[in-house]
Amino acid sequence: MYRSRNTNYDRTVPKGWTGPNAAQRRAQARIAKALAEVGYVLPGSVAVRSYRCGKAVCACHSDPPRLHGPYFQWSRQMKGKTVHANLTPEQFSDYQAFFDNAAKLRRLVTELEDLGVSIVQADPRSKRR
């Protein structure tokens, strides 16, 4: 990843471009502050599932069915493969903030990417298509 050694945009930008404007710099500072406040995160997602079992005489096969569960299934990618783990209701409750933080982190990164794109698009040297 490219990193500028000098964060003073006014001295490092090429001629014809003034760098990010004041509003863009304020937006980046706001996003950076919000990123610093994000706590622990867990990747993936949680699905709440209920099942029927294989026993024909179980209540889960009655009408109306009383399904087994709910089970909290956490899914995530590890080394290119989807991995599942069941969480207890207590674990799900304890980790809910981690999943919420992960969603917040994804939202903030998207905002930061959108801001970068807007800076490039505002560059007068960019070719318009």
N, C-alpha and C. Protein backbone atom coordinates (compact mmCIF):
# COMPACT_ATOMS: atom_id res chain seq x y z
N MET A 1 0.84 -1.17 0.00
CA MET A 1 0.00 0.00 0.00
C MET A 1 0.88 1.23 0.00
N TYR A 2 0.54 2.20 -0.83
CA TYR A 2 1.31 3.43 -0.92
C TYR A 2 0.99 4.34 0.25
N ARG A 3 2.01 4.85 0.86
CA ARG A 3 1.82 5.82 1.94
C ARG A 3 2.71 7.02 1.67
N SER A 4 2.12 8.16 1.71
CA SER A 4 2.88 9.38 1.55
C SER A 4 3.65 9.65 2.84
N ARG A 5 4.88 10.07 2.70
CA ARG A 5 5.67 10.40 3.88
C ARG A 5 5.25 11.73 4.47
N ASN A 6 4.69 12.56 3.61
CA ASN A 6 4.30 13.90 4.04
C ASN A 6 2.78 14.00 3.94
N THR A 7 2.12 14.26 5.06
CA THR A 7 0.67 14.34 5.05
C THR A 7 0.17 15.74 4.71
N ASN A 8 1.06 16.68 4.48
CA ASN A 8 0.65 18.02 4.08
C ASN A 8 0.38 17.99 2.57
N TYR A 9 -0.90 17.90 2.21
CA TYR A 9 -1.26 17.73 0.81
C TYR A 9 -0.84 18.91 -0.05
N ASP A 10 -0.81 20.11 0.52
CA ASP A 10 -0.53 21.29 -0.27
C ASP A 10 0.88 21.29 -0.84
N ARG A 11 1.82 20.61 -0.23
CA ARG A 11 3.20 20.60 -0.74
C ARG A 11 3.51 19.35 -1.55
N THR A 12 2.65 18.33 -1.49
CA THR A 12 2.99 17.08 -2.17
C THR A 12 2.14 16.80 -3.40
N VAL A 13 1.15 17.63 -3.68
CA VAL A 13 0.27 17.38 -4.82
C VAL A 13 0.85 17.96 -6.09
N PRO A 14 0.58 17.31 -7.22
CA PRO A 14 1.07 17.84 -8.49
C PRO A 14 0.38 19.16 -8.85
N LYS A 15 0.96 19.89 -9.79
CA LYS A 15 0.38 21.15 -10.25
C LYS A 15 -0.99 20.88 -10.86
N GLY A 16 -1.91 21.80 -10.64
CA GLY A 16 -3.25 21.67 -11.21
C GLY A 16 -4.21 20.95 -10.28
N TRP A 17 -3.71 20.44 -9.21
CA TRP A 17 -4.58 19.74 -8.26
C TRP A 17 -4.28 20.27 -6.88
N THR A 18 -5.29 20.61 -6.14
CA THR A 18 -5.09 21.20 -4.81
C THR A 18 -5.28 20.19 -3.69
N GLY A 19 -5.57 18.95 -4.03
CA GLY A 19 -5.76 17.92 -3.01
C GLY A 19 -7.18 17.91 -2.49
N PRO A 20 -7.43 17.11 -1.48
CA PRO A 20 -8.78 17.06 -0.91
C PRO A 20 -9.19 18.42 -0.39
N ASN A 21 -10.46 18.76 -0.59
CA ASN A 21 -10.95 20.05 -0.10
C ASN A 21 -11.22 19.96 1.39
N ALA A 22 -11.61 21.08 1.98
CA ALA A 22 -11.81 21.14 3.43
C ALA A 22 -12.92 20.19 3.88
N ALA A 23 -13.99 20.11 3.13
CA ALA A 23 -15.10 19.22 3.50
C ALA A 23 -14.65 17.76 3.45
N GLN A 24 -13.86 17.40 2.46
CA GLN A 24 -13.35 16.03 2.35
C GLN A 24 -12.39 15.71 3.49
N ARG A 25 -11.59 16.67 3.87
CA ARG A 25 -10.68 16.45 5.01
C ARG A 25 -11.45 16.30 6.32
N ARG A 26 -12.51 17.10 6.48
CA ARG A 26 -13.35 16.96 7.67
C ARG A 26 -14.04 15.59 7.69
N ALA A 27 -14.51 15.15 6.53
CA ALA A 27 -15.16 13.84 6.45
C ALA A 27 -14.18 12.73 6.81
N GLN A 28 -12.95 12.83 6.32
CA GLN A 28 -11.94 11.82 6.65
C GLN A 28 -11.63 11.83 8.13
N ALA A 29 -11.56 13.00 8.73
CA ALA A 29 -11.28 13.08 10.17
C ALA A 29 -12.43 12.48 10.97
N ARG A 30 -13.67 12.73 10.54
CA ARG A 30 -14.83 12.16 11.22
C ARG A 30 -14.83 10.63 11.13
N ILE A 31 -14.51 10.11 9.95
CA ILE A 31 -14.45 8.66 9.76
C ILE A 31 -13.32 8.07 10.60
N ALA A 32 -12.16 8.72 10.61
CA ALA A 32 -11.03 8.23 11.40
C ALA A 32 -11.37 8.18 12.88
N LYS A 33 -12.09 9.19 13.37
CA LYS A 33 -12.49 9.21 14.77
C LYS A 33 -13.44 8.06 15.07
N ALA A 34 -14.40 7.83 14.16
CA ALA A 34 -15.35 6.73 14.35
C ALA A 34 -14.66 5.38 14.29
N LEU A 35 -13.67 5.24 13.41
CA LEU A 35 -12.90 3.99 13.32
C LEU A 35 -12.15 3.71 14.62
N ALA A 36 -11.63 4.77 15.23
CA ALA A 36 -10.89 4.61 16.48
C ALA A 36 -11.79 4.14 17.62
N GLU A 37 -13.09 4.39 17.51
CA GLU A 37 -14.02 4.01 18.56
C GLU A 37 -14.59 2.60 18.40
N VAL A 38 -14.32 1.95 17.26
CA VAL A 38 -14.83 0.59 17.04
C VAL A 38 -14.09 -0.36 17.96
N GLY A 39 -14.83 -1.19 18.66
CA GLY A 39 -14.22 -2.17 19.56
C GLY A 39 -13.93 -3.47 18.86
N TYR A 40 -14.08 -4.57 19.58
CA TYR A 40 -13.84 -5.90 19.02
C TYR A 40 -14.83 -6.19 17.91
N VAL A 41 -14.39 -6.93 16.91
CA VAL A 41 -15.26 -7.31 15.79
C VAL A 41 -15.15 -8.80 15.55
N LEU A 42 -16.23 -9.37 15.04
CA LEU A 42 -16.24 -10.76 14.59
C LEU A 42 -16.68 -10.78 13.14
N PRO A 43 -15.95 -11.51 12.29
CA PRO A 43 -16.33 -11.57 10.88
C PRO A 43 -17.53 -12.49 10.68
N GLY A 44 -18.15 -12.36 9.54
CA GLY A 44 -19.21 -13.28 9.18
C GLY A 44 -20.58 -12.80 9.61
N SER A 45 -21.49 -13.77 9.73
CA SER A 45 -22.86 -13.44 10.08
C SER A 45 -23.44 -14.53 10.97
N VAL A 46 -24.55 -14.20 11.60
CA VAL A 46 -25.24 -15.16 12.46
C VAL A 46 -26.65 -15.36 11.92
N ALA A 47 -27.02 -16.63 11.76
CA ALA A 47 -28.37 -16.98 11.35
C ALA A 47 -29.04 -17.72 12.50
N VAL A 48 -30.29 -17.39 12.74
CA VAL A 48 -31.06 -18.08 13.77
C VAL A 48 -31.88 -19.14 13.05
N ARG A 49 -31.65 -20.41 13.41
CA ARG A 49 -32.28 -21.51 12.71
C ARG A 49 -33.05 -22.41 13.67
N SER A 50 -34.12 -23.01 13.15
CA SER A 50 -34.89 -24.01 13.86
C SER A 50 -35.05 -25.20 12.92
N TYR A 51 -35.03 -26.42 13.47
CA TYR A 51 -35.00 -27.62 12.63
C TYR A 51 -36.07 -28.64 13.02
N ARG A 52 -36.32 -29.53 12.08
CA ARG A 52 -37.05 -30.77 12.34
C ARG A 52 -36.00 -31.86 12.46
N CYS A 53 -36.24 -32.80 13.36
CA CYS A 53 -35.30 -33.91 13.52
C CYS A 53 -35.75 -35.09 12.65
N GLY A 54 -35.07 -36.19 12.77
CA GLY A 54 -35.37 -37.37 11.97
C GLY A 54 -36.35 -38.33 12.61
N LYS A 55 -36.81 -38.05 13.80
CA LYS A 55 -37.75 -38.94 14.49
C LYS A 55 -39.18 -38.63 14.05
N ALA A 56 -39.85 -39.62 13.51
CA ALA A 56 -41.20 -39.41 12.97
C ALA A 56 -42.22 -39.07 14.05
N VAL A 57 -42.01 -39.52 15.28
CA VAL A 57 -42.99 -39.29 16.34
C VAL A 57 -42.68 -38.05 17.18
N CYS A 58 -41.72 -37.27 16.78
CA CYS A 58 -41.34 -36.07 17.53
C CYS A 58 -42.35 -34.95 17.28
N ALA A 59 -42.47 -34.06 18.24
CA ALA A 59 -43.39 -32.92 18.14
C ALA A 59 -43.02 -31.98 16.99
N CYS A 60 -41.80 -32.05 16.51
CA CYS A 60 -41.40 -31.18 15.41
C CYS A 60 -42.08 -31.58 14.10
N HIS A 61 -42.67 -32.79 14.04
CA HIS A 61 -43.38 -33.25 12.85
C HIS A 61 -44.89 -33.11 12.99
N SER A 62 -45.39 -32.60 14.12
CA SER A 62 -46.83 -32.46 14.34
C SER A 62 -47.37 -31.26 13.57
N ASP A 63 -48.67 -31.06 13.65
CA ASP A 63 -49.29 -29.94 12.98
C ASP A 63 -50.00 -29.10 14.02
N PRO A 64 -49.61 -27.92 14.39
CA PRO A 64 -48.44 -27.20 13.87
C PRO A 64 -47.15 -27.73 14.49
N PRO A 65 -46.06 -27.63 13.76
CA PRO A 65 -44.80 -28.18 14.27
C PRO A 65 -44.22 -27.34 15.39
N ARG A 66 -43.55 -28.01 16.32
CA ARG A 66 -42.76 -27.33 17.35
C ARG A 66 -41.30 -27.68 17.05
N LEU A 67 -40.67 -26.80 16.29
CA LEU A 67 -39.32 -27.08 15.80
C LEU A 67 -38.29 -27.01 16.92
N HIS A 68 -37.18 -27.72 16.71
CA HIS A 68 -36.05 -27.68 17.65
C HIS A 68 -35.29 -26.38 17.43
N GLY A 69 -34.88 -25.78 18.51
CA GLY A 69 -34.12 -24.55 18.39
C GLY A 69 -34.75 -23.46 19.23
N PRO A 70 -34.43 -22.25 19.04
CA PRO A 70 -33.59 -21.75 17.97
C PRO A 70 -32.10 -22.00 18.23
N TYR A 71 -31.37 -22.19 17.14
CA TYR A 71 -29.92 -22.36 17.19
C TYR A 71 -29.30 -21.15 16.51
N PHE A 72 -28.25 -20.64 17.11
CA PHE A 72 -27.55 -19.49 16.57
C PHE A 72 -26.31 -20.00 15.82
N GLN A 73 -26.34 -19.91 14.50
CA GLN A 73 -25.25 -20.44 13.68
C GLN A 73 -24.42 -19.28 13.13
N TRP A 74 -23.16 -19.26 13.53
CA TRP A 74 -22.21 -18.24 13.09
C TRP A 74 -21.46 -18.79 11.90
N SER A 75 -21.48 -18.07 10.78
CA SER A 75 -20.79 -18.48 9.56
C SER A 75 -19.76 -17.43 9.19
N ARG A 76 -18.59 -17.92 8.75
CA ARG A 76 -17.53 -17.01 8.32
C ARG A 76 -16.62 -17.74 7.35
N GLN A 77 -15.77 -16.99 6.67
CA GLN A 77 -14.82 -17.56 5.72
C GLN A 77 -13.46 -17.74 6.39
N MET A 78 -12.89 -18.93 6.22
CA MET A 78 -11.54 -19.20 6.71
C MET A 78 -10.80 -19.95 5.61
N LYS A 79 -9.71 -19.35 5.14
CA LYS A 79 -8.89 -19.94 4.09
C LYS A 79 -9.73 -20.34 2.88
N GLY A 80 -10.66 -19.46 2.50
CA GLY A 80 -11.47 -19.69 1.31
C GLY A 80 -12.63 -20.64 1.49
N LYS A 81 -12.86 -21.12 2.69
CA LYS A 81 -13.96 -22.05 2.93
C LYS A 81 -14.90 -21.47 3.99
N THR A 82 -16.18 -21.77 3.83
CA THR A 82 -17.16 -21.32 4.81
C THR A 82 -17.14 -22.26 6.01
N VAL A 83 -17.03 -21.66 7.18
CA VAL A 83 -16.97 -22.41 8.43
C VAL A 83 -18.17 -22.00 9.28
N HIS A 84 -18.83 -22.97 9.89
CA HIS A 84 -19.99 -22.71 10.74
C HIS A 84 -19.67 -23.11 12.18
N ALA A 85 -20.24 -22.40 13.11
CA ALA A 85 -20.14 -22.76 14.52
C ALA A 85 -21.46 -22.40 15.18
N ASN A 86 -21.93 -23.26 16.06
CA ASN A 86 -23.15 -22.97 16.81
C ASN A 86 -22.79 -22.23 18.08
N LEU A 87 -23.55 -21.20 18.37
CA LEU A 87 -23.36 -20.41 19.58
C LEU A 87 -24.53 -20.67 20.52
N THR A 88 -24.25 -20.69 21.80
CA THR A 88 -25.34 -20.78 22.78
C THR A 88 -26.05 -19.42 22.80
N PRO A 89 -27.29 -19.39 23.29
CA PRO A 89 -27.96 -18.09 23.41
C PRO A 89 -27.16 -17.09 24.24
N GLU A 90 -26.50 -17.57 25.28
CA GLU A 90 -25.68 -16.68 26.11
C GLU A 90 -24.49 -16.14 25.31
N GLN A 91 -23.82 -17.01 24.53
CA GLN A 91 -22.71 -16.56 23.70
C GLN A 91 -23.18 -15.53 22.68
N PHE A 92 -24.30 -15.82 22.03
CA PHE A 92 -24.82 -14.89 21.04
C PHE A 92 -25.08 -13.53 21.67
N SER A 93 -25.67 -13.53 22.84
CA SER A 93 -25.94 -12.27 23.55
C SER A 93 -24.64 -11.54 23.88
N ASP A 94 -23.63 -12.29 24.34
CA ASP A 94 -22.34 -11.68 24.69
C ASP A 94 -21.60 -11.13 23.48
N TYR A 95 -21.71 -11.81 22.34
CA TYR A 95 -20.96 -11.43 21.13
C TYR A 95 -21.74 -10.50 20.21
N GLN A 96 -22.99 -10.21 20.53
CA GLN A 96 -23.80 -9.37 19.64
C GLN A 96 -23.12 -8.04 19.35
N ALA A 97 -22.49 -7.44 20.34
CA ALA A 97 -21.79 -6.17 20.13
C ALA A 97 -20.63 -6.33 19.14
N PHE A 98 -19.96 -7.49 19.14
CA PHE A 98 -18.87 -7.72 18.20
C PHE A 98 -19.39 -7.76 16.77
N PHE A 99 -20.54 -8.41 16.56
CA PHE A 99 -21.14 -8.46 15.23
C PHE A 99 -21.62 -7.07 14.80
N ASP A 100 -22.19 -6.31 15.74
CA ASP A 100 -22.62 -4.94 15.44
C ASP A 100 -21.42 -4.07 15.07
N ASN A 101 -20.31 -4.24 15.79
CA ASN A 101 -19.09 -3.48 15.48
C ASN A 101 -18.55 -3.83 14.10
N ALA A 102 -18.64 -5.10 13.71
CA ALA A 102 -18.18 -5.51 12.39
C ALA A 102 -19.00 -4.83 11.30
N ALA A 103 -20.30 -4.73 11.50
CA ALA A 103 -21.16 -4.04 10.53
C ALA A 103 -20.81 -2.55 10.47
N LYS A 104 -20.56 -1.96 11.63
CA LYS A 104 -20.17 -0.54 11.67
C LYS A 104 -18.84 -0.34 10.96
N LEU A 105 -17.90 -1.24 11.18
CA LEU A 105 -16.59 -1.15 10.53
C LEU A 105 -16.73 -1.22 9.01
N ARG A 106 -17.54 -2.17 8.51
CA ARG A 106 -17.76 -2.28 7.06
C ARG A 106 -18.38 -0.99 6.50
N ARG A 107 -19.33 -0.42 7.24
CA ARG A 107 -19.97 0.82 6.79
C ARG A 107 -18.96 1.97 6.73
N LEU A 108 -18.10 2.08 7.75
CA LEU A 108 -17.11 3.15 7.77
C LEU A 108 -16.06 2.99 6.67
N VAL A 109 -15.64 1.76 6.43
CA VAL A 109 -14.67 1.52 5.35
C VAL A 109 -15.29 1.88 4.00
N THR A 110 -16.56 1.55 3.81
CA THR A 110 -17.24 1.92 2.56
C THR A 110 -17.30 3.43 2.42
N GLU A 111 -17.61 4.15 3.50
CA GLU A 111 -17.61 5.61 3.46
C GLU A 111 -16.25 6.16 3.09
N LEU A 112 -15.20 5.58 3.66
CA LEU A 112 -13.83 6.04 3.38
C LEU A 112 -13.46 5.77 1.92
N GLU A 113 -13.86 4.61 1.41
CA GLU A 113 -13.61 4.31 -0.01
C GLU A 113 -14.37 5.27 -0.92
N ASP A 114 -15.64 5.54 -0.59
CA ASP A 114 -16.44 6.47 -1.38
C ASP A 114 -15.82 7.86 -1.36
N LEU A 115 -15.28 8.26 -0.22
CA LEU A 115 -14.61 9.55 -0.12
C LEU A 115 -13.39 9.59 -1.03
N GLY A 116 -12.60 8.53 -1.03
CA GLY A 116 -11.43 8.47 -1.91
C GLY A 116 -11.83 8.56 -3.38
N VAL A 117 -12.89 7.87 -3.74
CA VAL A 117 -13.37 7.93 -5.13
C VAL A 117 -13.82 9.34 -5.48
N SER A 118 -14.50 10.00 -4.56
CA SER A 118 -14.95 11.38 -4.83
C SER A 118 -13.77 12.32 -5.01
N ILE A 119 -12.67 12.08 -4.30
CA ILE A 119 -11.47 12.91 -4.44
C ILE A 119 -10.87 12.72 -5.83
N VAL A 120 -10.79 11.48 -6.28
CA VAL A 120 -10.24 11.22 -7.62
C VAL A 120 -11.15 11.81 -8.69
N GLN A 121 -12.46 11.67 -8.51
CA GLN A 121 -13.39 12.19 -9.51
C GLN A 121 -13.38 13.71 -9.56
N ALA A 122 -13.06 14.37 -8.46
CA ALA A 122 -13.01 15.83 -8.43
C ALA A 122 -11.70 16.37 -8.98
N ASP A 123 -10.72 15.51 -9.20
CA ASP A 123 -9.42 15.92 -9.71
C ASP A 123 -9.60 16.44 -11.16
N PRO A 124 -9.23 17.69 -11.41
CA PRO A 124 -9.43 18.25 -12.76
C PRO A 124 -8.61 17.52 -13.83
N ARG A 125 -7.62 16.78 -13.43
CA ARG A 125 -6.81 16.05 -14.41
C ARG A 125 -7.45 14.73 -14.86
N SER A 126 -8.51 14.30 -14.14
CA SER A 126 -9.19 13.05 -14.48
C SER A 126 -9.93 13.22 -15.79
N LYS A 127 -9.85 12.19 -16.62
CA LYS A 127 -10.58 12.20 -17.88
C LYS A 127 -12.02 11.84 -17.60
N ARG A 128 -12.93 12.61 -18.18
CA ARG A 128 -14.35 12.34 -18.00
C ARG A 128 -14.80 11.36 -19.09
N ARG A 129 -15.54 10.34 -18.69
CA ARG A 129 -16.04 9.36 -19.67
C ARG A 129 -17.53 9.42 -19.74
